[in-house]
Protein backbone atom coordinates (compact mmCIF):
# COMPACT_ATOMS: atom_id res chain seq x y z
CA MET A 1 15.18 -43.39 19.73
CA PHE A 2 15.57 -46.12 22.36
CA LYS A 3 12.33 -47.88 23.27
CA GLU A 4 11.44 -50.08 26.20
CA GLU A 5 9.16 -53.10 26.02
CA GLY A 6 5.76 -51.88 24.87
CA GLY A 7 7.23 -49.30 22.48
CA LYS A 8 7.52 -46.33 24.84
CA ILE A 9 10.46 -44.04 23.94
CA ILE A 10 12.82 -43.70 26.90
CA TYR A 11 15.76 -41.84 25.28
CA ILE A 12 16.40 -39.71 22.18
CA GLY A 13 19.86 -38.80 20.94
CA LYS A 14 21.61 -37.57 17.80
CA ALA A 15 25.06 -37.96 16.25
CA ILE A 16 26.87 -37.40 12.98
CA ASN A 17 27.59 -41.14 12.97
CA LEU A 18 24.68 -43.04 14.51
CA ASN A 19 26.45 -46.38 14.15
CA ASN A 20 29.31 -45.28 16.39
CA ARG A 21 26.99 -43.55 18.83
CA VAL A 22 24.80 -46.61 19.39
CA ARG A 23 27.83 -48.92 19.62
CA ASN A 24 29.13 -46.81 22.53
CA TYR A 25 26.08 -47.78 24.58
CA PHE A 26 26.46 -51.53 24.10
CA GLY A 27 30.22 -52.02 23.60
CA ALA A 28 31.37 -51.64 27.22
CA PRO A 29 28.39 -50.79 29.43
CA GLY A 30 30.46 -51.07 32.60
CA LYS A 31 32.32 -47.88 31.68
CA LEU A 32 29.12 -45.86 31.32
CA PRO A 33 27.50 -43.76 34.10
CA ALA A 34 25.13 -45.63 36.41
CA LYS A 35 22.11 -43.81 34.99
CA THR A 36 22.99 -44.90 31.45
CA GLN A 37 23.61 -48.48 32.61
CA ARG A 38 20.11 -48.58 34.08
CA MET A 39 18.68 -47.28 30.81
CA ILE A 40 20.43 -49.96 28.74
CA THR A 41 18.79 -52.75 30.75
CA LYS A 42 15.37 -51.40 29.70
CA ILE A 43 16.02 -51.04 25.94
CA SER A 44 14.14 -53.57 23.81
CA ASP A 45 14.11 -51.78 20.45
CA LEU A 46 15.44 -48.71 18.68
CA GLU A 47 14.32 -46.53 15.80
CA PHE A 48 16.37 -44.02 13.85
CA MET A 49 15.82 -41.15 11.42
CA VAL A 50 18.32 -39.58 9.02
CA THR A 51 18.32 -35.79 8.45
CA GLY A 52 19.99 -33.61 5.85
CA SER A 53 22.21 -31.63 8.22
CA GLU A 54 23.35 -31.31 11.82
CA GLN A 55 21.04 -28.32 12.30
CA GLU A 56 18.06 -30.37 11.12
CA ALA A 57 19.03 -33.14 13.56
CA LEU A 58 19.24 -30.61 16.39
CA ILE A 59 15.76 -29.25 15.65
CA LEU A 60 14.28 -32.73 15.25
CA GLU A 61 15.83 -33.88 18.54
CA ASN A 62 14.33 -30.85 20.31
CA ASN A 63 10.88 -31.46 18.85
CA LEU A 64 10.88 -35.18 19.67
CA ILE A 65 12.06 -34.65 23.25
CA LYS A 66 9.32 -32.06 23.73
CA LYS A 67 6.74 -34.42 22.23
CA TYR A 68 7.65 -37.70 23.96
CA GLN A 69 9.32 -36.44 27.20
CA PRO A 70 11.68 -39.48 27.42
CA HIS A 71 12.56 -40.47 30.97
CA TYR A 72 16.34 -40.62 30.41
CA ASN A 73 16.68 -37.28 28.60
CA ILE A 74 17.33 -34.04 30.46
CA ARG A 75 14.15 -32.01 30.10
CA LEU A 76 12.72 -28.66 31.00
CA LYS A 77 10.27 -29.48 33.78
CA ASP A 78 6.59 -29.71 32.84
CA GLY A 79 6.88 -30.15 29.10
CA LYS A 80 3.94 -27.85 28.46
CA THR A 81 4.25 -24.88 26.14
CA PHE A 82 5.82 -21.77 27.66
CA PRO A 83 3.66 -18.73 28.46
CA TYR A 84 4.38 -15.51 26.55
CA LEU A 85 3.25 -11.91 26.70
CA LYS A 86 1.55 -11.06 23.40
CA ILE A 87 0.96 -7.56 21.99
CA SER A 88 -1.50 -7.86 19.10
CA LEU A 89 0.00 -5.21 16.82
CA ASN A 90 -1.92 -6.81 13.96
CA GLU A 91 -5.19 -5.41 15.42
CA ASP A 92 -6.51 -1.85 15.02
CA TRP A 93 -6.73 -1.50 18.79
CA PRO A 94 -3.92 -3.79 20.07
CA ARG A 95 -4.37 -5.79 23.26
CA ILE A 96 -1.73 -7.15 25.66
CA TYR A 97 -2.37 -10.58 27.09
CA THR A 98 -0.82 -13.96 27.91
CA THR A 99 -0.68 -16.83 25.45
CA ARG A 100 1.02 -20.18 25.01
CA ARG A 101 0.84 -20.17 21.22
CA LEU A 102 3.73 -18.58 19.34
CA GLN A 103 2.51 -17.62 15.86
CA GLU A 104 3.78 -15.61 12.89
CA ASP A 105 0.80 -13.26 12.85
CA GLY A 106 2.41 -9.81 13.02
CA ALA A 107 2.10 -9.60 16.82
CA ARG A 108 5.01 -9.00 19.22
CA TYR A 109 5.84 -11.75 21.71
CA PHE A 110 7.90 -11.36 24.88
CA GLY A 111 9.14 -14.36 26.84
CA PRO A 112 9.09 -17.23 27.27
CA PHE A 113 8.34 -16.92 30.98
CA ALA A 114 8.98 -19.66 33.53
CA SER A 115 5.36 -19.77 34.66
CA ALA A 116 1.95 -18.22 34.12
CA GLY A 117 2.42 -16.47 37.46
CA SER A 118 5.55 -14.62 36.33
CA VAL A 119 3.94 -13.43 33.10
CA ARG A 120 0.85 -12.24 35.01
CA ARG A 121 3.04 -10.23 37.38
CA THR A 122 4.69 -8.54 34.40
CA LEU A 123 1.28 -7.83 32.88
CA ARG A 124 0.06 -6.23 36.12
CA LEU A 125 3.13 -3.99 36.27
CA ILE A 126 2.63 -2.79 32.69
CA LYS A 127 -1.07 -2.19 33.33
CA LYS A 128 -0.23 0.10 36.25
CA ILE A 129 2.11 2.22 34.14
CA PHE A 130 0.45 2.14 30.71
CA PRO A 131 -3.35 2.06 30.47
CA PHE A 132 -4.53 -0.24 27.68
CA ARG A 133 -7.70 -2.13 26.88
CA SER A 134 -8.15 -5.59 28.36
CA CYS A 135 -11.41 -6.45 26.62
CA SER A 136 -11.70 -8.26 23.31
CA LYS A 137 -14.96 -6.67 22.11
CA PRO A 138 -15.14 -4.72 18.80
CA ILE A 139 -14.19 -1.05 19.23
CA THR A 140 -16.54 1.45 17.56
CA GLY A 141 -16.02 4.44 19.86
CA LYS A 142 -19.75 4.77 20.29
CA ASP A 143 -20.38 2.84 23.52
CA LYS A 144 -22.53 4.78 26.00
CA ARG A 145 -20.50 3.86 29.07
CA PRO A 146 -16.91 2.61 29.63
CA CYS A 147 -15.97 -0.22 31.98
CA LEU A 148 -14.47 0.16 35.47
CA ASP A 149 -10.88 0.13 34.08
CA TYR A 150 -11.51 3.55 32.52
CA TYR A 151 -12.54 5.13 35.83
CA ILE A 152 -9.49 3.76 37.69
CA GLN A 153 -7.21 4.93 34.83
CA ARG A 154 -6.30 1.43 33.68
CA CYS A 155 -7.81 1.95 30.20
CA PRO A 156 -7.88 5.10 27.99
CA GLY A 157 -11.47 4.34 26.88
CA PRO A 158 -11.33 3.65 23.13
CA CYS A 159 -14.81 2.13 23.40
CA ILE A 160 -16.34 5.58 24.09
CA GLY A 161 -14.01 7.47 21.75
CA ALA A 162 -11.96 9.00 24.59
CA VAL A 163 -8.66 8.31 22.76
CA SER A 164 -7.75 8.39 19.09
CA LYS A 165 -6.39 5.37 17.29
CA GLU A 166 -3.12 7.22 16.67
CA GLU A 167 -2.67 8.16 20.34
CA TYR A 168 -3.52 4.63 21.49
CA ARG A 169 -0.99 3.14 19.06
CA LYS A 170 1.71 5.48 20.44
CA MET A 171 0.96 4.21 23.94
CA ILE A 172 1.27 0.58 22.77
CA ASN A 173 4.60 1.45 21.12
CA ARG A 174 5.78 2.76 24.49
CA VAL A 175 4.92 -0.61 26.05
CA VAL A 176 7.02 -2.34 23.38
CA LEU A 177 9.97 -0.03 24.08
CA PHE A 178 9.53 -0.59 27.82
CA LEU A 179 9.64 -4.38 27.45
CA GLU A 180 12.68 -4.09 25.16
CA GLY A 181 14.52 -2.28 27.96
CA LYS A 182 14.41 1.14 26.28
CA GLN A 183 12.76 2.92 29.18
CA GLU A 184 14.84 6.08 28.73
CA LEU A 185 13.29 6.64 25.29
CA VAL A 186 9.84 6.30 26.83
CA ILE A 187 10.72 8.77 29.61
CA ARG A 188 12.08 11.26 27.08
CA GLU A 189 8.88 11.17 25.04
CA LEU A 190 6.60 11.38 28.08
CA THR A 191 8.63 14.28 29.53
CA ARG A 192 8.25 16.20 26.28
CA LYS A 193 4.49 15.57 26.33
CA MET A 194 4.26 16.57 30.00
CA MET A 195 6.03 19.89 29.38
CA HIS A 196 3.78 20.59 26.39
CA ALA A 197 0.64 19.79 28.40
CA SER A 198 1.83 22.05 31.22
CA SER A 199 2.51 24.93 28.81
CA GLN A 200 -1.04 24.51 27.47
CA THR A 201 -2.38 24.66 31.07
CA GLN A 202 -3.54 21.03 30.78
CA PHE A 203 -2.41 20.40 34.34
CA GLU A 204 -4.42 17.25 34.94
CA LYS A 205 -2.90 15.61 31.88
CA ALA A 206 0.58 16.83 32.87
CA ALA A 207 0.15 15.35 36.36
CA SER A 208 -0.91 11.99 34.89
CA LEU A 209 2.19 11.96 32.67
CA ARG A 210 4.35 12.92 35.66
CA ASP A 211 3.04 9.95 37.62
CA GLN A 212 3.70 7.68 34.64
CA ILE A 213 7.31 8.92 34.40
CA SER A 214 7.79 8.41 38.15
CA ALA A 215 6.51 4.82 37.95
CA ILE A 216 8.90 4.00 35.10
CA LYS A 217 11.85 5.53 36.97
CA LYS A 218 11.07 3.33 39.99
CA VAL A 219 11.23 0.26 37.75
CA ILE A 220 14.55 1.43 36.26
CA GLU A 221 16.06 1.94 39.73
CA GLY A 222 15.46 -1.73 40.47
CA GLU A 223 16.92 -2.85 37.16
CA LYS A 224 20.28 -1.08 37.07
CA ILE A 225 23.26 -3.38 37.42
CA ALA A 226 26.68 -2.38 38.66
CA LEU A 227 28.63 -4.01 35.86
CA THR A 228 29.43 -2.00 32.74
CA LEU A 229 28.03 -3.95 29.81
CA ARG A 230 26.84 -3.02 26.36
CA GLY A 231 24.35 -4.51 23.97
CA ASP A 232 21.64 -7.12 24.39
CA GLN A 233 22.59 -10.38 26.03
CA ASP A 234 21.26 -13.34 27.95
CA VAL A 235 23.22 -14.74 30.89
CA VAL A 236 22.60 -18.39 31.77
CA ALA A 237 23.75 -20.31 34.84
CA LEU A 238 22.60 -23.37 36.74
CA SER A 239 22.57 -24.84 40.20
CA GLN A 240 22.57 -28.61 40.68
CA ASP A 241 22.30 -30.66 43.83
CA ALA A 242 21.17 -34.18 44.70
CA GLY A 243 18.99 -34.86 41.67
CA TYR A 244 17.69 -31.29 41.44
CA ALA A 245 18.72 -28.69 38.87
CA LEU A 246 17.54 -25.13 38.31
CA MET A 247 18.40 -23.01 35.28
CA ASP A 248 18.58 -19.25 35.80
CA ILE A 249 18.57 -16.78 32.91
CA PHE A 250 19.01 -12.99 33.17
CA PHE A 251 17.94 -10.76 30.28
CA ILE A 252 20.22 -7.74 29.83
CA ARG A 253 18.90 -5.09 27.48
CA ASN A 254 20.48 -1.63 27.12
CA ASN A 255 22.71 -2.18 30.15
CA LYS A 256 19.75 -2.99 32.38
CA LEU A 257 18.41 -6.15 33.86
CA THR A 258 14.99 -6.24 32.21
CA GLY A 259 13.91 -9.67 33.39
CA ARG A 260 14.84 -12.99 34.91
CA ASN A 261 13.42 -16.47 34.67
CA GLN A 262 14.15 -19.72 36.49
CA PHE A 263 13.40 -23.14 35.03
CA PRO A 264 13.50 -26.44 36.95
CA MET A 265 15.02 -29.34 34.99
CA GLU A 266 14.12 -33.03 35.08
CA GLY A 267 16.18 -36.13 34.38
CA VAL A 268 19.40 -34.56 35.70
CA GLN A 269 20.53 -37.33 38.04
CA GLU A 270 24.25 -38.09 37.52
CA GLU A 271 24.41 -35.63 34.60
CA ARG A 272 27.32 -33.27 33.96
CA GLU A 273 26.82 -29.49 34.02
CA THR A 274 27.73 -29.39 30.32
CA GLY A 275 24.98 -31.85 29.43
CA ILE A 276 22.36 -29.95 31.43
CA MET A 277 23.44 -26.63 29.94
CA THR A 278 23.33 -28.08 26.42
CA SER A 279 19.82 -29.46 26.87
CA PHE A 280 18.55 -26.19 28.29
CA VAL A 281 20.03 -23.99 25.55
CA LYS A 282 18.55 -26.18 22.82
CA GLN A 283 15.08 -26.45 24.39
CA TYR A 284 14.81 -22.87 25.60
CA TYR A 285 15.96 -21.10 22.43
CA ALA A 286 13.83 -23.39 20.28
CA ALA A 287 10.85 -21.67 21.94
CA ALA A 288 12.25 -18.13 22.34
CA PRO A 289 10.61 -15.42 20.17
CA SER A 290 13.86 -13.42 20.10
CA ILE A 291 17.53 -14.28 20.52
CA PRO A 292 20.17 -11.70 21.58
CA SER A 293 23.46 -11.29 19.77
CA LEU A 294 25.42 -12.48 22.85
CA ILE A 295 24.69 -15.41 25.15
CA LEU A 296 26.91 -15.83 28.23
CA LEU A 297 26.99 -19.32 29.71
CA GLN A 298 28.32 -20.63 33.00
CA HIS A 299 29.41 -23.91 31.37
CA PRO A 300 30.24 -24.82 27.76
CA VAL A 301 27.73 -26.70 25.63
CA ASP A 302 28.26 -29.80 23.52
CA ASP A 303 28.11 -29.32 19.75
CA MET A 304 29.02 -25.63 20.14
CA PRO A 305 29.55 -25.00 16.37
CA VAL A 306 26.26 -26.71 15.50
CA ILE A 307 24.27 -24.87 18.16
CA SER A 308 25.88 -21.53 17.20
CA GLU A 309 24.97 -22.04 13.55
CA TRP A 310 21.43 -23.10 14.47
CA LEU A 311 20.98 -19.96 16.62
CA LYS A 312 22.27 -17.76 13.79
CA GLN A 313 19.80 -19.29 11.37
CA THR A 314 16.96 -18.94 13.87
CA LYS A 315 17.81 -15.29 14.64
CA LYS A 316 18.76 -14.50 11.02
CA GLY A 317 21.77 -12.66 12.40
CA ASN A 318 25.01 -13.18 14.30
CA VAL A 319 24.85 -14.90 17.69
CA LYS A 320 27.93 -15.28 19.86
CA ILE A 321 28.09 -17.86 22.66
CA GLN A 322 30.72 -17.26 25.35
CA VAL A 323 31.80 -18.99 28.56
CA PRO A 324 33.66 -16.04 30.15
CA GLN A 325 36.73 -16.80 32.25
CA ARG A 326 37.50 -13.33 33.63
CA GLY A 327 36.36 -9.73 33.76
CA THR A 328 32.91 -8.21 34.12
CA LYS A 329 31.24 -10.90 32.04
CA LYS A 330 32.57 -13.56 34.40
CA GLN A 331 31.28 -11.50 37.35
CA LEU A 332 27.84 -11.32 35.77
CA VAL A 333 27.74 -15.10 35.22
CA GLU A 334 28.78 -15.63 38.85
CA MET A 335 25.97 -13.31 39.96
CA VAL A 336 23.42 -15.36 38.00
CA ALA A 337 24.93 -18.61 39.34
CA GLU A 338 24.48 -17.33 42.91
CA ASP A 339 20.90 -16.39 42.07
CA ALA A 340 20.36 -19.91 40.71
CA ARG A 341 21.84 -21.46 43.86
CA ARG A 342 19.52 -19.45 46.07
CA GLY A 343 16.60 -20.23 43.79
CA LEU A 344 17.29 -23.96 43.98
CA LEU A 345 17.51 -23.81 47.77
CA LEU A 346 14.18 -22.01 47.90
CA ALA A 347 12.61 -24.45 45.45
CA LYS A 348 13.73 -27.41 47.58
CA VAL A 349 12.34 -25.74 50.69
CA LYS A 350 9.01 -25.05 48.99
CA GLN A 351 8.73 -28.69 48.01
CA VAL A 352 8.50 -29.64 51.67
CA HIS A 353 4.92 -29.06 52.77
CA PRO A 354 4.17 -29.44 56.48
CA GLU A 355 2.55 -32.87 55.98
CA SER A 356 5.35 -34.26 53.81
CA ALA A 357 7.95 -32.75 56.15
CA LEU A 358 6.33 -34.58 59.05
CA SER A 359 6.58 -37.86 57.17
CA ALA A 360 10.25 -37.17 56.29
CA LEU A 361 11.07 -36.40 59.94
CA ARG A 362 9.50 -39.67 61.04
CA GLU A 363 11.63 -41.49 58.47
CA LEU A 364 14.72 -39.61 59.71
CA LYS A 365 13.93 -40.65 63.28
CA ASP A 366 13.78 -44.32 62.24
CA SER A 367 16.88 -44.15 59.99
CA LEU A 368 19.10 -42.62 62.70
CA GLN A 369 17.36 -44.41 65.59
CA LEU A 370 16.64 -41.12 67.37
CA PRO A 371 14.79 -41.12 70.71
CA GLN A 372 12.16 -38.71 69.35
CA MET A 373 11.18 -37.03 66.11
CA PRO A 374 13.75 -34.28 65.23
CA SER A 375 11.30 -31.37 65.12
CA ARG A 376 14.22 -28.98 65.80
CA ILE A 377 17.51 -29.60 63.97
CA GLU A 378 20.57 -27.41 64.53
CA CYS A 379 23.32 -27.69 61.92
CA TYR A 380 26.87 -26.34 62.27
CA ASP A 381 29.58 -25.52 59.72
CA ILE A 382 33.04 -23.91 59.75
CA SER A 383 34.52 -21.58 57.12
CA ASN A 384 38.08 -20.22 57.02
CA THR A 385 40.98 -19.37 54.72
CA GLN A 386 44.24 -20.99 55.88
CA GLY A 387 43.03 -20.67 59.46
CA THR A 388 42.42 -16.89 59.25
CA LEU A 389 39.10 -15.11 59.78
CA ALA A 390 37.57 -18.43 60.76
CA VAL A 391 33.84 -18.41 61.45
CA GLY A 392 31.18 -20.88 62.46
CA SER A 393 27.51 -20.94 61.60
CA MET A 394 24.43 -22.39 63.25
CA VAL A 395 21.19 -22.79 61.31
CA VAL A 396 17.89 -24.09 62.65
CA LEU A 397 15.21 -26.19 60.97
CA GLU A 398 11.89 -26.47 62.74
CA ARG A 399 9.59 -29.22 61.46
CA GLY A 400 11.87 -29.55 58.44
CA LEU A 401 11.74 -25.87 57.43
CA PRO A 402 14.50 -23.23 57.87
CA LYS A 403 14.00 -20.58 60.56
CA PRO A 404 16.39 -17.74 59.59
CA SER A 405 15.46 -15.67 62.65
CA LEU A 406 17.15 -18.35 64.80
CA TYR A 407 20.39 -18.53 62.76
CA ARG A 408 23.57 -17.54 64.61
CA ARG A 409 27.15 -16.72 63.59
CA PHE A 410 30.35 -17.27 65.59
CA ARG A 411 33.70 -15.56 65.07
CA ILE A 412 36.36 -18.14 66.07
CA LYS A 413 38.34 -16.63 68.97
CA THR A 414 40.66 -19.26 70.44
CA ILE A 415 41.99 -21.19 67.40
CA GLY A 416 44.74 -19.57 65.31
CA SER A 417 45.65 -22.50 63.08
CA ILE A 418 43.85 -24.74 60.58
CA ASP A 419 42.02 -27.09 62.92
CA ASP A 420 38.41 -27.72 61.95
CA TYR A 421 37.87 -30.10 64.85
CA ALA A 422 39.03 -27.53 67.43
CA MET A 423 36.85 -24.87 65.79
CA ILE A 424 33.80 -27.14 65.96
CA ARG A 425 34.52 -27.75 69.63
CA GLU A 426 34.74 -23.98 70.29
CA VAL A 427 31.47 -23.20 68.49
CA LEU A 428 29.52 -25.98 70.21
CA ARG A 429 30.98 -25.13 73.61
CA ARG A 430 29.93 -21.48 73.22
CA ARG A 431 26.48 -22.41 71.96
CA PHE A 432 25.58 -24.95 74.65
CA LYS A 433 27.04 -22.97 77.55
CA ARG A 434 24.43 -20.30 76.87
CA SER A 435 21.11 -20.83 78.57
CA GLY A 436 19.06 -17.65 78.24
CA GLY A 437 16.37 -16.69 75.72
CA SER A 438 16.31 -18.71 72.49
CA TRP A 439 19.54 -20.48 73.52
CA ALA A 440 17.58 -22.36 76.18
CA ILE A 441 15.71 -24.42 73.59
CA MET A 442 17.54 -27.70 73.04
CA PRO A 443 17.57 -29.33 69.58
CA ASN A 444 16.31 -32.85 68.92
CA LEU A 445 19.29 -33.37 66.60
CA VAL A 446 22.68 -31.65 66.28
CA LEU A 447 24.02 -32.05 62.73
CA ILE A 448 27.66 -31.33 61.86
CA ASP A 449 28.89 -30.67 58.32
CA GLY A 450 31.66 -33.24 57.88
CA GLY A 451 32.63 -36.85 58.45
CA ARG A 452 33.57 -39.11 61.37
CA GLY A 453 36.30 -36.74 62.65
CA GLN A 454 33.91 -33.79 62.90
CA LEU A 455 31.37 -36.01 64.65
CA ASN A 456 33.94 -37.11 67.24
CA ALA A 457 34.82 -33.47 67.93
CA ALA A 458 31.15 -32.76 68.65
CA LEU A 459 30.87 -35.81 70.89
CA GLU A 460 33.79 -34.55 73.00
CA ILE A 461 31.87 -31.34 73.76
CA ARG A 462 28.69 -33.30 74.43
CA LYS A 463 30.54 -35.32 77.08
CA GLU A 464 32.38 -32.28 78.48
CA LEU A 465 29.12 -30.37 79.05
CA GLY A 466 27.15 -33.38 80.32
CA LEU A 467 24.74 -33.41 77.38
CA ASN A 468 24.92 -37.12 76.56
CA PHE A 469 21.16 -37.16 75.96
CA LEU A 470 21.64 -34.88 72.91
CA PRO A 471 21.50 -36.77 69.56
CA VAL A 472 24.43 -35.87 67.28
CA ALA A 473 25.14 -36.82 63.65
CA SER A 474 27.36 -35.62 60.80
CA LEU A 475 26.79 -35.48 57.04
CA ALA A 476 29.77 -35.91 54.71
CA LYS A 477 29.46 -34.13 51.35
CA GLU A 478 31.35 -36.48 49.02
CA HIS A 479 29.08 -39.53 49.22
CA GLU A 480 26.28 -37.99 51.33
CA GLU A 481 27.17 -40.37 54.17
CA VAL A 482 25.55 -39.94 57.58
CA PHE A 483 27.60 -40.80 60.67
CA VAL A 484 26.09 -41.42 64.12
CA PRO A 485 27.81 -42.48 67.37
CA ALA A 486 26.11 -45.89 67.56
CA HIS A 487 27.42 -47.12 64.18
CA ILE A 488 31.01 -47.66 63.06
CA GLU A 489 30.01 -47.51 59.39
CA ALA A 490 28.06 -44.70 57.81
CA VAL A 491 24.27 -44.94 57.83
CA ARG A 492 23.11 -45.23 54.24
CA ILE A 493 19.97 -43.26 53.40
CA SER A 494 18.55 -43.49 49.88
CA PRO A 495 19.46 -40.46 47.66
CA ASP A 496 15.74 -40.10 46.86
CA SER A 497 14.70 -40.15 50.52
CA PRO A 498 12.97 -37.01 51.89
CA ALA A 499 14.79 -37.73 55.17
CA LEU A 500 18.16 -37.23 53.47
CA HIS A 501 16.87 -34.12 51.70
CA ILE A 502 16.12 -32.50 55.07
CA LEU A 503 19.68 -33.19 56.26
CA GLN A 504 21.09 -31.85 52.98
CA ARG A 505 18.95 -28.75 53.26
CA ALA A 506 20.28 -28.06 56.77
CA ARG A 507 23.89 -28.74 55.73
CA ASP A 508 23.69 -26.56 52.59
CA GLU A 509 22.07 -23.70 54.49
CA ALA A 510 24.72 -23.85 57.24
CA HIS A 511 27.46 -23.84 54.61
CA ARG A 512 25.92 -20.86 52.78
CA PHE A 513 25.49 -18.94 56.04
CA ALA A 514 29.10 -19.57 57.11
CA ILE A 515 30.55 -18.69 53.71
CA SER A 516 28.60 -15.41 53.47
CA TYR A 517 29.86 -14.33 56.91
CA HIS A 518 33.43 -15.31 56.08
CA LYS A 519 33.35 -13.39 52.78
CA ASN A 520 31.99 -10.34 54.54
CA LEU A 521 34.80 -10.38 57.11
CA ARG A 522 37.44 -10.98 54.44
CA SER A 523 36.12 -8.09 52.36
CA LYS A 524 36.24 -5.75 55.37
CA LYS A 525 39.79 -6.82 56.26
CA ASN A 526 41.04 -6.35 52.67
CA LEU A 527 39.42 -2.94 52.51
CA ALA A 528 40.84 -1.87 55.85
CA SER A 529 44.40 -3.04 55.09
CA ALA A 530 44.42 -1.37 51.66
CA LEU A 531 43.08 1.95 52.97
CA ASP A 532 45.23 2.11 56.12
CA ASP A 533 48.26 3.39 54.17
CA ILE A 534 46.39 6.23 52.47
CA ARG A 535 46.98 9.60 54.09
CA GLY A 536 43.70 11.16 55.19
CA ILE A 537 41.81 7.88 55.68
CA GLY A 538 40.89 7.09 59.25
CA PRO A 539 38.41 4.66 60.81
CA GLN A 540 35.40 6.92 60.16
CA ARG A 541 36.09 7.50 56.47
CA ARG A 542 37.03 3.84 56.03
CA ARG A 543 33.62 2.83 57.43
CA ALA A 544 31.92 5.34 55.13
CA LEU A 545 33.68 3.86 52.10
CA LEU A 546 32.72 0.36 53.17
CA ARG A 547 29.06 1.37 53.54
CA GLN A 548 29.11 3.12 50.16
CA PHE A 549 30.89 0.46 48.07
CA GLY A 550 30.83 -2.76 50.07
CA SER A 551 34.20 -4.06 48.85
CA LEU A 552 37.72 -3.05 47.86
CA LYS A 553 37.07 -4.27 44.32
CA ALA A 554 34.10 -1.93 43.93
CA ILE A 555 36.22 1.06 45.07
CA ARG A 556 38.97 0.15 42.60
CA GLU A 557 36.43 0.07 39.78
CA ALA A 558 34.76 3.35 40.79
CA SER A 559 35.74 6.71 39.28
CA PRO A 560 37.16 9.52 41.47
CA GLU A 561 33.86 11.37 41.01
CA GLU A 562 31.91 8.39 42.39
CA ILE A 563 34.34 8.01 45.32
CA SER A 564 34.01 11.72 46.16
CA ARG A 565 30.26 11.28 46.68
CA THR A 566 31.06 9.33 49.86
CA LYS A 567 30.47 11.30 53.05
CA GLY A 568 33.71 12.94 54.23
CA ILE A 569 35.67 12.25 50.99
CA THR A 570 36.84 15.36 49.09
CA ALA A 571 37.66 15.40 45.39
CA ASN A 572 41.42 15.57 46.13
CA LEU A 573 41.21 12.67 48.59
CA ALA A 574 39.15 10.64 46.08
CA ARG A 575 41.90 11.07 43.46
CA ARG A 576 44.53 10.04 46.04
CA ILE A 577 42.52 6.90 46.91
CA LYS A 578 42.19 6.00 43.25
CA GLU A 579 45.91 6.49 42.57
CA GLN A 580 46.96 4.49 45.65
CA LEU A 581 44.67 1.54 44.89
CA GLN A 582 45.83 1.31 41.26
CA ARG A 583 49.51 0.88 42.19
C-alpha cells in the first residue's frame, strides 16, 4: 500500500514477490507509464501485508481497494455497495425488495445492479406480472380491509386471508424462476392452471392467468437473442475513450438475455484494456451473489489462473473464463462491446448539462480563437474499404449536444479511388451548395475528422464556394491534436478540458454514423452479389431476404425452414439458396 504524505493510501497492489514488484516502481521510473510516474512522485511511505495464498491476496486487495478507494487504482465508480433484489424466502410470507446488504440469511439475491434505478425498474416489471405483498407488517389473515395494491391486483391479499400460504409460496417460486431466466417453466405451470380454472368455469381466474402468461411472453420476446448458445454465462466487454471507461455485462440464462448492467470505471487514464478488465472482474464478482459456469471476456485478465481458482472457490463449482476469438461466442462479445460503446457515448453526452456545455463552448471559442461561440458544430467523416462503397457523414451538435434529426449521410459519387481528401471535398461541396430547408442554417464551426491534410481539403472548398467567413478545424485521433488555419502547429487543448470533450464527442459520433452507413451498404452489396447467381432470385425476392435477415451471414446461418418463411420463398427455393451459399 503506497501512501502519500499524511498517510493517505494512493495505490494498492499485490504480487507473489513483493520485493520485485516494488523495485519495478523505483528502479527505472522513466520506463513506466506517465500515470505511474506521477504516482511515484507522491509516495512518501509504504505498508505491506503477507497472506497465505494468492487467492487470499486477491480477496484482500479487493477489500482494501473498496475500503480506501485509492486514487491510482482502477475502481468501479462510486465505491458504495451495489443494490440487489432480495426475495426473503426465510419469511413465512416472503417479500421482494431492494437492499444493499448481501447476507447469508436464507434469502435469494439477484444482482448486483448498476444503480438503484435499474433495480427499481426490474421490481416494477415483476410487480406487474406477479402480485406480491410490498408491506412489512405481520400477516395474520384477519385484517378487516386490504390496501390499495389488492384492489389493483398488485397483491393477492394475504393480510385478509385471500390467499393461502402454499399458493403464495408457489407464486414467489415463479418469481425466482422468472429471474433465473426460466420463463418457459413458469408459462407451462400457469397454462396448466389456466386450463384447469377454465374447465371448472372459473373464468375470471382463467382470464387473470391468461393476462399473466401474455405479459411474460412479451418479456421473453424482448429477451431472445439470435445466437445459439447453451448454459448460463456472463458476457463482459468495455468501451474506453479519453479518460472514460464503461463496463458492460450481459447475463445469458437459458439461451435468453435476462439482464444487462453497465458500470462506469474510475482511475482508467492511460490504463490498458487488460488492466481495466482485470479490476472489474475482481471487484464485480467479489460482490456477485451468483457466478455462472462460463464468463466470456472481451480482453484477457491478468493473473488468469489465480482469478479462475478464486471464482471456483467462491462459486463452489467449475467456472470457465474465455476470451473467444471466433464463432458465435466472439459475435456475442462483439455485440456487448458495441452496446458498451454506445453506452459510453450516451454517458458522455449526459454528463454535459446545458450550463456546463455553455461554459465548454466558451472555452472552445477562446482556444480556437473563433469569431463567436460555436453553438452549432457540424462534423464530417469519411468511411470506405479500399475506395469502394465510400460514404461521408455529417453530424450536428447544437449547444454541445447531438441533434440526430439533423444528421446526414452522403454516398460518394465522383471518387473511385482511395482519396480521403477528394472525398471530403465532394461531401463539403454537396453540403454547402444546398441552401433550402435545414441546409440553410450555417454552422459556427466545421470540424473535420483528420489532420492537417484533411483540414486543407476543407479549406479548398471554403475558398471555392466563397465561404471564407466559415470557421474550420480538424481533430486528429492519434494525439487528439486540433488543427486550425491560423496556426502552423496543432492547438493543444488539455485532455481534461470540456472543450476538447465536445470536439471528441462530435468526431466520435460522425465516425460511428459513417461506419454504420458503410457497413449497411457493404452488407447489401455482399447479399446482392451472392444471391444474383441463384436461379429464381430476382430483385424482389432479394429485397425480401434482406428485410427478413439483414445480412448474408444471417441467411447462411438460417435453416431452410427459416428461409422459406420469407415472403415469396418456397421450400424448394429455400433449399437451393442454402445449398448455393454453403459452397
